[in-house]
N, C-alpha and C. Protein backbone atom coordinates (compact mmCIF):
# COMPACT_ATOMS: atom_id res chain seq x y z
N UNK A 1 -21.26 -1.59 -12.09
CA UNK A 1 -20.35 -0.42 -11.57
C UNK A 1 -19.19 -0.35 -12.29
N UNK A 2 -18.70 1.24 -12.87
CA UNK A 2 -17.71 1.28 -13.74
C UNK A 2 -16.55 0.96 -13.17
N UNK A 3 -15.21 0.53 -13.83
CA UNK A 3 -13.84 0.25 -12.87
C UNK A 3 -13.36 1.64 -12.72
N UNK A 4 -13.85 2.52 -12.50
CA UNK A 4 -13.33 3.97 -11.98
C UNK A 4 -13.78 3.78 -10.67
N UNK A 5 -15.24 3.59 -10.37
CA UNK A 5 -15.60 3.67 -9.01
C UNK A 5 -15.15 2.35 -7.88
N UNK A 6 -14.84 1.28 -8.79
CA UNK A 6 -14.36 0.03 -8.13
C UNK A 6 -13.10 0.35 -7.67
N UNK A 7 -12.33 1.10 -8.46
CA UNK A 7 -10.58 1.79 -7.83
C UNK A 7 -10.71 2.57 -6.72
N UNK A 8 -11.55 3.41 -6.52
CA UNK A 8 -11.64 4.72 -5.80
C UNK A 8 -12.77 4.48 -4.55
N UNK A 9 -12.24 3.92 -3.31
CA UNK A 9 -13.20 3.63 -2.26
C UNK A 9 -13.92 4.92 -1.97
N UNK A 10 -15.18 5.11 -1.88
CA UNK A 10 -15.42 6.28 -1.21
C UNK A 10 -16.08 5.76 0.17
N UNK A 11 -15.99 7.30 0.99
CA UNK A 11 -16.14 7.21 2.39
C UNK A 11 -17.30 6.00 3.04
N UNK A 12 -18.16 6.92 2.03
CA UNK A 12 -19.92 5.93 2.10
C UNK A 12 -19.67 4.52 1.90
N UNK A 13 -18.69 4.14 0.99
CA UNK A 13 -18.73 2.71 0.21
C UNK A 13 -18.14 2.06 1.55
N UNK A 14 -16.99 2.72 1.99
CA UNK A 14 -16.04 2.09 3.04
C UNK A 14 -16.96 1.59 4.27
N UNK A 15 -17.62 2.61 4.50
CA UNK A 15 -18.15 2.77 5.57
C UNK A 15 -19.53 1.16 6.32
N UNK A 16 -19.93 1.17 4.54
CA UNK A 16 -21.15 0.30 4.73
C UNK A 16 -20.17 -1.19 4.63
N UNK A 17 -19.19 -1.16 3.83
CA UNK A 17 -18.46 -2.44 3.97
C UNK A 17 -18.04 -3.12 4.99
N UNK A 18 -16.99 -2.40 5.28
CA UNK A 18 -16.19 -2.43 6.54
C UNK A 18 -15.47 -0.85 6.95
N UNK A 19 -15.67 -0.62 8.46
CA UNK A 19 -15.40 0.69 8.89
C UNK A 19 -13.62 1.04 8.56
N UNK A 20 -12.90 -0.07 8.90
CA UNK A 20 -11.41 0.03 8.57
C UNK A 20 -10.87 0.51 7.59
N UNK A 21 -11.70 0.43 6.33
CA UNK A 21 -11.44 0.57 5.27
C UNK A 21 -11.03 2.07 4.60
N UNK A 22 -11.89 3.02 5.74
CA UNK A 22 -12.07 4.25 5.28
C UNK A 22 -10.58 4.48 5.49
N UNK A 23 -10.39 5.32 4.82
CA UNK A 23 -8.58 6.06 4.70
C UNK A 23 -8.57 6.61 6.18
N UNK A 24 -9.23 7.67 6.45
CA UNK A 24 -9.03 8.01 8.51
C UNK A 24 -8.89 7.24 9.45
N UNK A 25 -9.47 5.81 9.33
CA UNK A 25 -9.46 4.57 10.32
C UNK A 25 -8.76 3.40 9.93
N UNK A 26 -8.32 3.36 8.92
CA UNK A 26 -7.07 2.26 8.50
C UNK A 26 -5.57 2.47 8.40
N UNK A 27 -4.76 2.27 9.14
CA UNK A 27 -3.59 2.81 8.88
C UNK A 27 -2.52 2.44 8.04
N UNK A 28 -3.21 1.32 7.22
CA UNK A 28 -2.64 0.69 5.77
C UNK A 28 -2.80 1.56 4.71
N UNK A 29 -3.79 2.03 4.68
CA UNK A 29 -4.41 3.06 3.67
C UNK A 29 -3.44 4.04 3.58
N UNK A 30 -3.20 4.23 2.10
CA UNK A 30 -2.10 5.43 1.74
C UNK A 30 -2.80 6.64 0.63
N UNK A 31 -3.27 7.57 1.02
CA UNK A 31 -3.76 8.21 -0.15
C UNK A 31 -2.79 8.82 -0.96
N UNK A 32 -2.94 8.77 -2.48
CA UNK A 32 -2.06 8.85 -3.36
C UNK A 32 -1.76 10.60 -3.60
N UNK A 33 -0.91 11.11 -3.38
CA UNK A 33 -0.50 12.83 -3.67
C UNK A 33 -1.07 12.59 -5.35
N UNK A 34 -0.54 11.65 -6.39
CA UNK A 34 -0.89 11.64 -7.57
C UNK A 34 -1.58 10.49 -8.21
N UNK A 35 -2.85 10.86 -8.35
CA UNK A 35 -3.19 9.09 -8.72
C UNK A 35 -2.94 8.40 -9.74
N UNK A 36 -3.26 7.47 -9.76
CA UNK A 36 -2.49 6.22 -10.88
C UNK A 36 -3.88 6.16 -11.96
N UNK A 37 -3.54 6.54 -13.27
CA UNK A 37 -4.70 6.16 -14.15
C UNK A 37 -4.50 5.07 -15.13
N UNK A 38 -4.93 4.19 -15.04
CA UNK A 38 -4.67 2.98 -15.85
C UNK A 38 -6.18 2.89 -16.81
N UNK A 39 -6.02 3.45 -17.89
CA UNK A 39 -7.63 3.99 -18.54
C UNK A 39 -8.28 4.61 -17.98
N UNK A 40 -9.68 4.20 -17.88
CA UNK A 40 -10.59 5.12 -17.31
C UNK A 40 -10.49 4.84 -15.90
N UNK A 41 -9.68 4.28 -15.44
CA UNK A 41 -9.58 3.28 -13.80
C UNK A 41 -8.46 4.70 -13.47
N UNK A 42 -8.80 5.03 -12.00
CA UNK A 42 -8.25 5.67 -11.30
C UNK A 42 -8.32 5.46 -9.66
N UNK A 43 -6.74 5.25 -9.69
CA UNK A 43 -6.63 4.90 -8.23
C UNK A 43 -6.29 6.06 -7.50
N UNK A 44 -6.79 6.25 -6.23
CA UNK A 44 -6.52 7.51 -5.57
C UNK A 44 -5.70 7.24 -4.22
N UNK A 45 -5.90 5.86 -3.91
CA UNK A 45 -5.06 5.39 -2.73
C UNK A 45 -5.11 4.18 -2.95
N UNK A 46 -3.86 3.33 -2.17
CA UNK A 46 -3.99 1.99 -2.06
C UNK A 46 -4.13 1.58 -0.46
N UNK A 47 -4.19 0.33 -0.13
CA UNK A 47 -4.52 -0.48 1.05
C UNK A 47 -3.18 -1.43 1.09
N UNK A 48 -2.22 -1.68 1.86
CA UNK A 48 -1.52 -2.79 2.03
C UNK A 48 -1.95 -3.68 3.10
N UNK A 49 -1.60 -5.15 2.99
CA UNK A 49 -1.77 -5.81 3.71
C UNK A 49 -0.39 -6.24 4.28
N UNK A 50 -0.49 -7.11 5.36
CA UNK A 50 0.83 -7.75 5.94
C UNK A 50 1.32 -8.92 5.02
N UNK A 51 2.69 -8.89 4.39
CA UNK A 51 2.95 -9.89 3.70
C UNK A 51 3.19 -10.71 4.40
N UNK A 52 2.98 -12.27 3.49
CA UNK A 52 3.34 -13.72 4.28
C UNK A 52 4.83 -13.41 3.63
N UNK A 53 5.63 -14.80 4.41
CA UNK A 53 6.79 -15.09 4.25
C UNK A 53 7.08 -15.52 2.50
N UNK A 54 6.16 -16.01 2.38
CA UNK A 54 6.06 -16.25 0.75
C UNK A 54 5.96 -15.48 -0.37
N UNK A 55 5.17 -14.23 0.63
CA UNK A 55 5.40 -13.25 -0.88
C UNK A 55 6.54 -12.21 -0.46
N UNK A 56 7.23 -12.46 0.25
CA UNK A 56 8.96 -11.68 0.12
C UNK A 56 9.88 -12.46 -0.85
N UNK A 57 9.55 -13.67 -1.39
CA UNK A 57 10.46 -14.65 -1.84
C UNK A 57 11.05 -13.60 -3.24
N UNK A 58 12.21 -13.86 -3.43
CA UNK A 58 13.06 -13.35 -4.31
C UNK A 58 13.51 -11.74 -4.12
N UNK A 59 13.33 -11.40 -2.37
CA UNK A 59 13.93 -10.19 -2.24
C UNK A 59 14.87 -10.56 -1.16
N UNK A 60 15.59 -9.69 -0.94
CA UNK A 60 16.66 -9.72 0.24
C UNK A 60 15.91 -8.63 1.37
N UNK A 61 15.46 -8.95 2.40
CA UNK A 61 15.02 -8.41 3.37
C UNK A 61 15.71 -7.04 3.78
N UNK A 62 17.10 -7.20 3.91
CA UNK A 62 17.93 -6.19 4.27
C UNK A 62 17.30 -5.06 3.25
N UNK A 63 17.42 -5.40 1.81
CA UNK A 63 17.36 -4.73 0.57
C UNK A 63 16.08 -3.66 1.13
N UNK A 64 15.08 -4.81 1.56
CA UNK A 64 14.05 -3.94 1.47
C UNK A 64 13.45 -3.05 2.37
N UNK A 65 14.00 -3.12 3.56
CA UNK A 65 14.22 -2.52 4.92
C UNK A 65 14.77 -0.96 4.57
N UNK A 66 15.58 -1.09 3.48
CA UNK A 66 16.33 0.15 3.24
C UNK A 66 15.72 0.77 1.70
N UNK A 67 14.28 0.19 1.83
CA UNK A 67 13.62 0.79 0.76
C UNK A 67 14.05 0.87 -0.67
N UNK A 68 14.83 -0.07 -1.06
CA UNK A 68 15.23 -0.53 -2.30
C UNK A 68 14.18 -0.78 -3.34
N UNK A 69 14.26 0.21 -4.32
CA UNK A 69 12.88 0.40 -5.12
C UNK A 69 12.70 -1.00 -6.07
N UNK A 70 13.83 -1.87 -6.67
CA UNK A 70 13.65 -2.97 -7.00
C UNK A 70 12.90 -3.69 -5.82
N UNK A 71 13.06 -3.92 -4.89
CA UNK A 71 12.48 -4.57 -3.90
C UNK A 71 11.32 -4.33 -3.75
N UNK A 72 10.91 -2.84 -3.55
CA UNK A 72 9.61 -2.65 -3.64
C UNK A 72 8.66 -2.99 -4.57
N UNK A 73 9.15 -2.93 -5.88
CA UNK A 73 8.35 -3.32 -6.95
C UNK A 73 8.06 -4.86 -7.22
N UNK A 74 8.91 -5.50 -6.46
CA UNK A 74 8.72 -6.96 -6.49
C UNK A 74 7.70 -7.17 -5.59
N UNK A 75 7.57 -6.81 -4.28
CA UNK A 75 6.71 -7.14 -3.31
C UNK A 75 5.49 -6.07 -3.61
N UNK A 76 5.66 -4.94 -3.54
CA UNK A 76 4.31 -4.14 -3.42
C UNK A 76 3.02 -5.02 -4.37
N UNK A 77 2.92 -5.22 -5.82
CA UNK A 77 2.19 -5.92 -6.14
C UNK A 77 1.55 -7.29 -6.02
N UNK A 78 2.16 -7.98 -4.66
CA UNK A 78 1.52 -9.04 -3.89
C UNK A 78 0.94 -8.42 -2.87
N UNK A 79 0.96 -7.47 -2.15
CA UNK A 79 0.22 -6.81 -1.05
C UNK A 79 -0.51 -5.86 -0.84
N UNK A 80 -0.84 -5.09 -2.53
CA UNK A 80 -1.77 -4.20 -2.23
C UNK A 80 -3.15 -4.27 -2.74
N UNK A 81 -3.89 -3.65 -2.68
CA UNK A 81 -5.57 -3.62 -3.10
C UNK A 81 -5.65 -1.88 -3.09
N UNK A 82 -6.49 -1.76 -4.55
CA UNK A 82 -5.85 -2.53 -5.91
C UNK A 82 -5.13 -2.72 -5.93
N UNK A 83 -4.68 -4.00 -6.79
CA UNK A 83 -2.61 -4.33 -7.24
C UNK A 83 -2.34 -3.47 -7.98
N UNK A 84 -1.18 -3.33 -7.48
CA UNK A 84 -0.08 -2.04 -8.15
C UNK A 84 0.49 -3.19 -9.08
N UNK A 85 0.66 -2.92 -10.05
CA UNK A 85 1.96 -3.68 -10.87
C UNK A 85 3.25 -2.78 -10.70
N UNK A 86 4.33 -3.87 -11.06
CA UNK A 86 5.51 -3.06 -10.93
C UNK A 86 5.99 -1.84 -11.92
N UNK A 87 5.04 -1.58 -13.26
CA UNK A 87 4.95 -0.93 -13.68
C UNK A 87 4.54 0.43 -12.82
N UNK A 88 3.29 0.24 -12.58
CA UNK A 88 2.68 1.59 -11.60
C UNK A 88 3.63 1.68 -10.17
N UNK A 89 4.46 1.01 -9.65
CA UNK A 89 5.21 1.23 -8.80
C UNK A 89 6.31 2.15 -9.34
N UNK A 90 6.92 1.87 -10.11
CA UNK A 90 8.02 2.41 -10.78
C UNK A 90 7.86 3.76 -11.19
N UNK A 91 6.05 4.24 -11.77
CA UNK A 91 5.59 5.75 -11.81
C UNK A 91 5.46 6.07 -11.00
N UNK A 92 5.32 5.70 -9.82
CA UNK A 92 4.71 6.52 -8.42
C UNK A 92 5.60 7.62 -7.88
N UNK A 93 4.70 8.76 -7.88
CA UNK A 93 5.63 10.01 -7.39
C UNK A 93 6.52 9.24 -6.06
N UNK A 94 7.62 9.96 -6.23
CA UNK A 94 8.56 9.36 -4.84
C UNK A 94 7.80 9.86 -3.35
N UNK A 95 6.80 10.61 -3.31
CA UNK A 95 6.38 11.12 -2.01
C UNK A 95 5.44 9.87 -1.64
N UNK A 96 4.70 9.29 -2.98
CA UNK A 96 3.65 8.69 -2.29
C UNK A 96 4.65 7.06 -2.33
N UNK A 97 5.76 6.96 -2.99
CA UNK A 97 6.12 5.61 -2.83
C UNK A 97 6.90 5.52 -1.27
N UNK A 98 7.39 6.52 -0.69
CA UNK A 98 8.05 6.66 0.30
C UNK A 98 6.86 6.47 1.60
N UNK A 99 5.64 7.18 1.25
CA UNK A 99 4.50 6.53 2.25
C UNK A 99 3.92 5.31 2.29
N UNK A 100 3.90 4.70 1.05
CA UNK A 100 3.70 3.14 1.03
C UNK A 100 4.84 2.42 1.37
N UNK A 101 6.25 2.92 1.36
CA UNK A 101 7.05 1.72 2.12
C UNK A 101 7.17 1.89 3.48
N UNK A 102 6.96 3.23 3.97
CA UNK A 102 6.90 3.72 5.48
C UNK A 102 5.77 2.64 5.74
N UNK A 103 4.13 2.53 5.30
CA UNK A 103 3.55 1.52 6.20
C UNK A 103 4.45 0.09 6.30
N UNK A 104 4.59 0.03 4.45
CA UNK A 104 5.22 -1.61 4.76
C UNK A 104 6.56 -1.69 5.63
N UNK A 105 7.04 -0.94 6.10
CA UNK A 105 8.12 -1.06 7.23
C UNK A 105 7.40 -1.25 8.58
N UNK A 106 6.60 -0.93 8.82
CA UNK A 106 6.09 -0.99 10.07
C UNK A 106 5.56 -2.56 10.04
N UNK A 107 5.01 -3.19 9.18
CA UNK A 107 5.07 -4.57 8.96
C UNK A 107 6.09 -5.47 9.36
N UNK A 108 7.09 -4.90 9.66
CA UNK A 108 8.75 -6.22 10.11
C UNK A 108 8.50 -5.63 11.37
N UNK A 109 7.82 -4.74 12.22
CA UNK A 109 8.31 -4.47 13.65
C UNK A 109 7.46 -5.80 14.45
N UNK A 110 8.13 -5.74 15.33
CA UNK A 110 7.39 -6.92 16.73
C UNK A 110 6.45 -5.96 17.08
N UNK A 111 5.31 -6.95 17.67
CA UNK A 111 4.51 -5.97 18.79
C UNK A 111 5.14 -5.66 19.53
N UNK A 112 5.94 -5.84 20.42
CA UNK A 112 6.94 -5.21 21.67
C UNK A 112 7.49 -3.47 20.52
N UNK A 113 7.81 -3.55 19.93
CA UNK A 113 8.39 -2.35 19.35
C UNK A 113 7.25 -1.14 18.55
N UNK A 114 6.29 -2.16 18.18
CA UNK A 114 4.96 -1.29 17.68
C UNK A 114 4.41 -0.50 19.17
N UNK A 115 4.41 -1.29 20.23
CA UNK A 115 3.78 -0.78 21.40
C UNK A 115 4.72 0.27 22.15
N UNK A 116 6.02 0.61 21.81
CA UNK A 116 6.70 1.19 22.54
C UNK A 116 6.86 2.49 21.63
N UNK A 117 6.45 2.64 20.29
CA UNK A 117 6.40 3.90 19.87
C UNK A 117 5.49 4.92 20.23
N UNK A 118 5.67 6.22 20.05
CA UNK A 118 4.92 7.14 20.71
C UNK A 118 3.69 7.40 19.62
N UNK A 119 2.12 7.42 20.29
CA UNK A 119 1.16 7.54 19.47
C UNK A 119 1.02 8.50 18.48
């Protein structure tokens, strides 16, 4: 399998591996308006996972919640799949960065806060 196909999950591959990986069913998947190209690899979207406390080291939570770009550059490489580098984060389209940060901000809500949000 070439690096190009490994970085871009197809709907068929996502359905065969885990249904939650498909872009339409995984709320933590963010399709990118401007894909990232690394050599032959093209990243059309990323999946975020909820960070653990250790993955938040070196950043102030207040700055992270204010969508501070430097804080995002520190944390996103630790929680994205495929892994984005700090350089990748720095070169993201602002709309893509905001979409990714929005998903990440949702990780900091309590269960009660998530349930009170409109569907």
